[in-house]
Amino acid sequence: MDASLYEILKNMPVLSDVDEDDLADVVKKVALQKFAKNSYVFHEGDKGELFYIIKSGKVEILRKDENGKEQSVAILYPDNFFGEMALLNSNPRNASVKCLEDCELFVFNRKDFFDFLYL
């Protein structure tokens, strides 16, 4: 079990009342992926199959403007999460995510994401 992910989840207000054993079970299912600086986690329009929590590094959220040029809309840091909207509404990704530094991301697949939501 990754102790840092456990602490991140335990400190989320929405999970404050979750049984520690249930939370530990979710943590066991989560993968850790590494991404290099300047690489994309996913692109706007991709099918959304995964949800991410940042363990280390920072990412930039980018959306295309009317001319197709990517514009920065947010920067996310460790303990922030992204990718949930495509899982919740089954629509394609509404933004791209680019790593501004080397990153380690906790990754939930669709089933584990919904298990996580309904703890």
N, C-alpha and C. Protein backbone atom coordinates (compact mmCIF):
# COMPACT_ATOMS: atom_id res chain seq x y z
N MET A 1 0.85 -1.19 0.00
CA MET A 1 0.00 0.00 0.00
C MET A 1 0.89 1.25 0.00
N ASP A 2 0.52 2.22 -0.81
CA ASP A 2 1.27 3.47 -0.86
C ASP A 2 0.77 4.39 0.24
N ALA A 3 1.62 4.63 1.23
CA ALA A 3 1.23 5.43 2.39
C ALA A 3 0.88 6.86 2.00
N SER A 4 1.58 7.41 1.00
CA SER A 4 1.29 8.79 0.62
C SER A 4 -0.10 8.92 -0.01
N LEU A 5 -0.51 7.95 -0.83
CA LEU A 5 -1.86 7.99 -1.41
C LEU A 5 -2.90 7.83 -0.31
N TYR A 6 -2.65 6.94 0.62
CA TYR A 6 -3.57 6.74 1.74
C TYR A 6 -3.77 8.05 2.49
N GLU A 7 -2.70 8.77 2.76
CA GLU A 7 -2.80 10.05 3.48
C GLU A 7 -3.56 11.10 2.66
N ILE A 8 -3.29 11.15 1.34
CA ILE A 8 -4.01 12.09 0.47
C ILE A 8 -5.51 11.82 0.53
N LEU A 9 -5.89 10.56 0.36
CA LEU A 9 -7.32 10.21 0.35
C LEU A 9 -7.96 10.45 1.71
N LYS A 10 -7.25 10.07 2.76
CA LYS A 10 -7.79 10.22 4.12
C LYS A 10 -8.07 11.69 4.45
N ASN A 11 -7.28 12.59 3.86
CA ASN A 11 -7.44 14.01 4.16
C ASN A 11 -8.44 14.72 3.25
N MET A 12 -9.03 13.99 2.30
CA MET A 12 -10.08 14.60 1.48
C MET A 12 -11.36 14.68 2.31
N PRO A 13 -11.97 15.87 2.39
CA PRO A 13 -13.17 16.01 3.22
C PRO A 13 -14.27 15.00 2.88
N VAL A 14 -14.44 14.68 1.62
CA VAL A 14 -15.49 13.77 1.21
C VAL A 14 -15.25 12.35 1.73
N LEU A 15 -14.01 12.03 2.10
CA LEU A 15 -13.68 10.69 2.58
C LEU A 15 -13.37 10.64 4.07
N SER A 16 -13.62 11.72 4.77
CA SER A 16 -13.24 11.80 6.18
C SER A 16 -13.92 10.75 7.06
N ASP A 17 -15.10 10.27 6.66
CA ASP A 17 -15.82 9.28 7.47
C ASP A 17 -15.67 7.85 6.97
N VAL A 18 -14.84 7.65 5.96
CA VAL A 18 -14.69 6.32 5.36
C VAL A 18 -13.87 5.42 6.28
N ASP A 19 -14.31 4.19 6.40
CA ASP A 19 -13.62 3.18 7.18
C ASP A 19 -12.19 3.01 6.66
N GLU A 20 -11.22 2.93 7.55
CA GLU A 20 -9.82 2.83 7.16
C GLU A 20 -9.52 1.59 6.32
N ASP A 21 -10.19 0.47 6.61
CA ASP A 21 -9.98 -0.75 5.83
C ASP A 21 -10.49 -0.59 4.40
N ASP A 22 -11.63 0.08 4.22
CA ASP A 22 -12.17 0.32 2.88
C ASP A 22 -11.22 1.21 2.08
N LEU A 23 -10.71 2.22 2.74
CA LEU A 23 -9.78 3.13 2.08
C LEU A 23 -8.49 2.40 1.70
N ALA A 24 -8.01 1.55 2.57
CA ALA A 24 -6.81 0.77 2.29
C ALA A 24 -7.03 -0.17 1.10
N ASP A 25 -8.24 -0.73 0.98
CA ASP A 25 -8.55 -1.61 -0.16
C ASP A 25 -8.48 -0.84 -1.48
N VAL A 26 -8.98 0.38 -1.49
CA VAL A 26 -8.93 1.20 -2.70
C VAL A 26 -7.48 1.50 -3.06
N VAL A 27 -6.68 1.86 -2.09
CA VAL A 27 -5.28 2.21 -2.33
C VAL A 27 -4.53 1.04 -2.96
N LYS A 28 -4.85 -0.18 -2.57
CA LYS A 28 -4.16 -1.36 -3.11
C LYS A 28 -4.40 -1.53 -4.62
N LYS A 29 -5.49 -1.00 -5.14
CA LYS A 29 -5.84 -1.18 -6.55
C LYS A 29 -5.24 -0.11 -7.46
N VAL A 30 -4.69 0.92 -6.89
CA VAL A 30 -4.24 2.07 -7.67
C VAL A 30 -2.82 1.84 -8.19
N ALA A 31 -2.60 2.20 -9.47
CA ALA A 31 -1.28 2.10 -10.08
C ALA A 31 -0.56 3.44 -9.95
N LEU A 32 0.75 3.41 -10.00
CA LEU A 32 1.57 4.61 -10.02
C LEU A 32 2.25 4.66 -11.38
N GLN A 33 2.03 5.76 -12.12
CA GLN A 33 2.66 5.92 -13.43
C GLN A 33 3.56 7.14 -13.40
N LYS A 34 4.68 7.03 -14.14
CA LYS A 34 5.61 8.15 -14.24
C LYS A 34 5.51 8.75 -15.64
N PHE A 35 5.57 10.08 -15.68
CA PHE A 35 5.52 10.83 -16.93
C PHE A 35 6.68 11.81 -16.94
N ALA A 36 7.32 11.93 -18.09
CA ALA A 36 8.46 12.83 -18.23
C ALA A 36 7.99 14.27 -18.45
N LYS A 37 8.83 15.20 -18.08
CA LYS A 37 8.56 16.62 -18.33
C LYS A 37 8.24 16.80 -19.81
N ASN A 38 7.23 17.63 -20.08
CA ASN A 38 6.74 17.98 -21.43
C ASN A 38 5.93 16.88 -22.11
N SER A 39 5.73 15.74 -21.46
CA SER A 39 4.88 14.71 -22.05
C SER A 39 3.42 14.99 -21.71
N TYR A 40 2.53 14.45 -22.51
CA TYR A 40 1.09 14.61 -22.28
C TYR A 40 0.55 13.37 -21.58
N VAL A 41 -0.29 13.60 -20.58
CA VAL A 41 -0.98 12.50 -19.91
C VAL A 41 -2.12 12.04 -20.82
N PHE A 42 -2.86 13.00 -21.37
CA PHE A 42 -3.87 12.74 -22.39
C PHE A 42 -4.15 14.03 -23.15
N HIS A 43 -4.86 13.88 -24.27
CA HIS A 43 -5.18 15.02 -25.14
C HIS A 43 -6.68 15.28 -25.16
N GLU A 44 -7.03 16.53 -25.34
CA GLU A 44 -8.41 16.93 -25.52
C GLU A 44 -9.03 16.08 -26.63
N GLY A 45 -10.21 15.52 -26.37
CA GLY A 45 -10.89 14.67 -27.34
C GLY A 45 -10.66 13.19 -27.14
N ASP A 46 -9.62 12.81 -26.36
CA ASP A 46 -9.38 11.39 -26.09
C ASP A 46 -10.54 10.81 -25.28
N LYS A 47 -10.71 9.51 -25.39
CA LYS A 47 -11.68 8.80 -24.56
C LYS A 47 -11.16 8.79 -23.12
N GLY A 48 -12.03 9.03 -22.17
CA GLY A 48 -11.63 9.08 -20.77
C GLY A 48 -11.84 7.76 -20.07
N GLU A 49 -10.74 7.11 -19.73
CA GLU A 49 -10.81 5.82 -19.04
C GLU A 49 -10.14 5.83 -17.67
N LEU A 50 -9.39 6.91 -17.36
CA LEU A 50 -8.60 6.94 -16.14
C LEU A 50 -8.77 8.25 -15.39
N PHE A 51 -8.59 8.19 -14.08
CA PHE A 51 -8.63 9.31 -13.15
C PHE A 51 -7.26 9.38 -12.49
N TYR A 52 -6.77 10.58 -12.23
CA TYR A 52 -5.40 10.76 -11.75
C TYR A 52 -5.35 11.63 -10.49
N ILE A 53 -4.42 11.28 -9.59
CA ILE A 53 -4.06 12.12 -8.45
C ILE A 53 -2.55 12.34 -8.54
N ILE A 54 -2.12 13.57 -8.41
CA ILE A 54 -0.70 13.89 -8.55
C ILE A 54 0.03 13.55 -7.26
N LYS A 55 1.04 12.68 -7.38
CA LYS A 55 1.90 12.37 -6.24
C LYS A 55 3.07 13.35 -6.20
N SER A 56 3.69 13.59 -7.37
CA SER A 56 4.79 14.55 -7.43
C SER A 56 4.81 15.20 -8.81
N GLY A 57 5.38 16.41 -8.86
CA GLY A 57 5.44 17.18 -10.10
C GLY A 57 4.25 18.11 -10.23
N LYS A 58 4.15 18.75 -11.38
CA LYS A 58 3.00 19.60 -11.65
C LYS A 58 2.61 19.47 -13.10
N VAL A 59 1.31 19.66 -13.35
CA VAL A 59 0.76 19.53 -14.71
C VAL A 59 0.01 20.79 -15.08
N GLU A 60 -0.12 20.99 -16.38
CA GLU A 60 -0.86 22.13 -16.92
C GLU A 60 -2.08 21.61 -17.65
N ILE A 61 -3.23 22.20 -17.38
CA ILE A 61 -4.46 21.87 -18.08
C ILE A 61 -4.58 22.84 -19.26
N LEU A 62 -4.77 22.29 -20.46
CA LEU A 62 -4.80 23.08 -21.68
C LEU A 62 -6.09 22.81 -22.46
N ARG A 63 -6.68 23.86 -22.99
CA ARG A 63 -7.85 23.73 -23.88
C ARG A 63 -7.58 24.48 -25.17
N LYS A 64 -8.09 23.93 -26.26
CA LYS A 64 -7.92 24.58 -27.56
C LYS A 64 -8.88 25.75 -27.69
N ASP A 65 -8.37 26.86 -28.25
CA ASP A 65 -9.23 28.01 -28.52
C ASP A 65 -9.88 27.82 -29.90
N GLU A 66 -10.62 28.84 -30.36
CA GLU A 66 -11.34 28.74 -31.63
C GLU A 66 -10.40 28.55 -32.83
N ASN A 67 -9.12 28.86 -32.67
CA ASN A 67 -8.14 28.67 -33.73
C ASN A 67 -7.38 27.35 -33.60
N GLY A 68 -7.72 26.56 -32.60
CA GLY A 68 -7.06 25.28 -32.39
C GLY A 68 -5.77 25.36 -31.61
N LYS A 69 -5.44 26.55 -31.09
CA LYS A 69 -4.22 26.72 -30.30
C LYS A 69 -4.50 26.41 -28.83
N GLU A 70 -3.59 25.66 -28.20
CA GLU A 70 -3.79 25.32 -26.80
C GLU A 70 -3.55 26.53 -25.90
N GLN A 71 -4.48 26.71 -24.96
CA GLN A 71 -4.40 27.79 -23.98
C GLN A 71 -4.39 27.18 -22.58
N SER A 72 -3.54 27.70 -21.72
CA SER A 72 -3.47 27.22 -20.35
C SER A 72 -4.69 27.69 -19.56
N VAL A 73 -5.32 26.76 -18.85
CA VAL A 73 -6.47 27.12 -18.01
C VAL A 73 -6.21 26.86 -16.53
N ALA A 74 -5.20 26.04 -16.22
CA ALA A 74 -4.90 25.77 -14.80
C ALA A 74 -3.57 25.03 -14.70
N ILE A 75 -2.97 25.16 -13.53
CA ILE A 75 -1.80 24.37 -13.18
C ILE A 75 -2.14 23.63 -11.90
N LEU A 76 -1.86 22.32 -11.88
CA LEU A 76 -2.18 21.49 -10.73
C LEU A 76 -0.89 20.95 -10.10
N TYR A 77 -0.94 20.76 -8.79
CA TYR A 77 0.23 20.39 -7.99
C TYR A 77 -0.04 19.08 -7.23
N PRO A 78 0.98 18.57 -6.51
CA PRO A 78 0.77 17.34 -5.74
C PRO A 78 -0.48 17.41 -4.87
N ASP A 79 -1.17 16.29 -4.82
CA ASP A 79 -2.43 16.06 -4.10
C ASP A 79 -3.65 16.55 -4.88
N ASN A 80 -3.46 17.30 -5.98
CA ASN A 80 -4.58 17.69 -6.84
C ASN A 80 -4.94 16.49 -7.72
N PHE A 81 -6.17 16.52 -8.26
CA PHE A 81 -6.60 15.42 -9.12
C PHE A 81 -7.22 15.96 -10.39
N PHE A 82 -7.32 15.10 -11.40
CA PHE A 82 -7.92 15.47 -12.68
C PHE A 82 -8.36 14.22 -13.42
N GLY A 83 -9.19 14.42 -14.43
CA GLY A 83 -9.66 13.32 -15.26
C GLY A 83 -11.00 12.76 -14.87
N GLU A 84 -11.60 13.29 -13.83
CA GLU A 84 -12.85 12.73 -13.33
C GLU A 84 -14.06 13.02 -14.22
N MET A 85 -14.06 14.16 -14.90
CA MET A 85 -15.24 14.54 -15.68
C MET A 85 -15.54 13.56 -16.81
N ALA A 86 -14.53 13.10 -17.51
CA ALA A 86 -14.75 12.15 -18.60
C ALA A 86 -15.29 10.82 -18.07
N LEU A 87 -14.91 10.45 -16.87
CA LEU A 87 -15.43 9.22 -16.28
C LEU A 87 -16.87 9.38 -15.83
N LEU A 88 -17.18 10.56 -15.30
CA LEU A 88 -18.53 10.80 -14.78
C LEU A 88 -19.57 10.94 -15.88
N ASN A 89 -19.20 11.60 -16.99
CA ASN A 89 -20.20 11.85 -18.02
C ASN A 89 -19.97 11.06 -19.31
N SER A 90 -18.94 10.23 -19.35
CA SER A 90 -18.60 9.39 -20.52
C SER A 90 -18.36 10.17 -21.79
N ASN A 91 -18.08 11.44 -21.69
CA ASN A 91 -17.73 12.26 -22.85
C ASN A 91 -16.23 12.21 -23.08
N PRO A 92 -15.78 12.60 -24.27
CA PRO A 92 -14.33 12.69 -24.51
C PRO A 92 -13.70 13.73 -23.57
N ARG A 93 -12.40 13.63 -23.40
CA ARG A 93 -11.67 14.58 -22.55
C ARG A 93 -11.92 16.00 -23.04
N ASN A 94 -12.22 16.91 -22.11
CA ASN A 94 -12.51 18.30 -22.49
C ASN A 94 -11.28 19.20 -22.42
N ALA A 95 -10.12 18.61 -22.14
CA ALA A 95 -8.86 19.36 -22.07
C ALA A 95 -7.71 18.38 -22.22
N SER A 96 -6.54 18.93 -22.48
CA SER A 96 -5.30 18.15 -22.50
C SER A 96 -4.57 18.40 -21.19
N VAL A 97 -3.72 17.45 -20.79
CA VAL A 97 -2.92 17.60 -19.59
C VAL A 97 -1.47 17.33 -19.96
N LYS A 98 -0.62 18.34 -19.71
CA LYS A 98 0.80 18.27 -20.04
C LYS A 98 1.62 18.39 -18.75
N CYS A 99 2.65 17.57 -18.64
CA CYS A 99 3.53 17.61 -17.47
C CYS A 99 4.53 18.76 -17.59
N LEU A 100 4.56 19.62 -16.60
CA LEU A 100 5.51 20.73 -16.56
C LEU A 100 6.83 20.31 -15.91
N GLU A 101 6.80 19.19 -15.23
CA GLU A 101 7.96 18.59 -14.58
C GLU A 101 7.82 17.08 -14.73
N ASP A 102 8.87 16.34 -14.39
CA ASP A 102 8.70 14.90 -14.28
C ASP A 102 7.62 14.68 -13.23
N CYS A 103 6.69 13.78 -13.51
CA CYS A 103 5.54 13.57 -12.61
C CYS A 103 5.36 12.10 -12.27
N GLU A 104 4.85 11.89 -11.06
CA GLU A 104 4.34 10.58 -10.65
C GLU A 104 2.86 10.78 -10.36
N LEU A 105 2.04 9.96 -11.01
CA LEU A 105 0.59 10.09 -10.89
C LEU A 105 -0.02 8.78 -10.42
N PHE A 106 -0.89 8.86 -9.42
CA PHE A 106 -1.69 7.71 -9.03
C PHE A 106 -2.82 7.60 -10.05
N VAL A 107 -3.07 6.39 -10.54
CA VAL A 107 -4.04 6.20 -11.61
C VAL A 107 -5.12 5.21 -11.18
N PHE A 108 -6.38 5.66 -11.31
CA PHE A 108 -7.54 4.82 -11.04
C PHE A 108 -8.19 4.47 -12.37
N ASN A 109 -8.56 3.21 -12.59
CA ASN A 109 -9.36 2.90 -13.77
C ASN A 109 -10.82 3.22 -13.47
N ARG A 110 -11.68 3.11 -14.46
CA ARG A 110 -13.10 3.49 -14.31
C ARG A 110 -13.76 2.76 -13.14
N LYS A 111 -13.62 1.44 -13.05
CA LYS A 111 -14.28 0.68 -11.99
C LYS A 111 -13.78 1.12 -10.62
N ASP A 112 -12.46 1.22 -10.48
CA ASP A 112 -11.90 1.61 -9.18
C ASP A 112 -12.28 3.04 -8.82
N PHE A 113 -12.40 3.91 -9.83
CA PHE A 113 -12.83 5.28 -9.59
C PHE A 113 -14.24 5.29 -8.98
N PHE A 114 -15.15 4.50 -9.54
CA PHE A 114 -16.51 4.48 -9.01
C PHE A 114 -16.57 3.79 -7.65
N ASP A 115 -15.74 2.78 -7.44
CA ASP A 115 -15.64 2.18 -6.09
C ASP A 115 -15.19 3.25 -5.10
N PHE A 116 -14.21 4.04 -5.51
CA PHE A 116 -13.68 5.14 -4.70
C PHE A 116 -14.77 6.15 -4.37
N LEU A 117 -15.59 6.52 -5.38
CA LEU A 117 -16.64 7.50 -5.17
C LEU A 117 -17.71 7.03 -4.20
N TYR A 118 -17.98 5.74 -4.19
CA TYR A 118 -19.09 5.24 -3.39
C TYR A 118 -18.66 4.59 -2.08
N LEU A 119 -17.48 4.95 -1.61
CA LEU A 119 -17.03 4.46 -0.30
C LEU A 119 -17.96 4.96 0.79
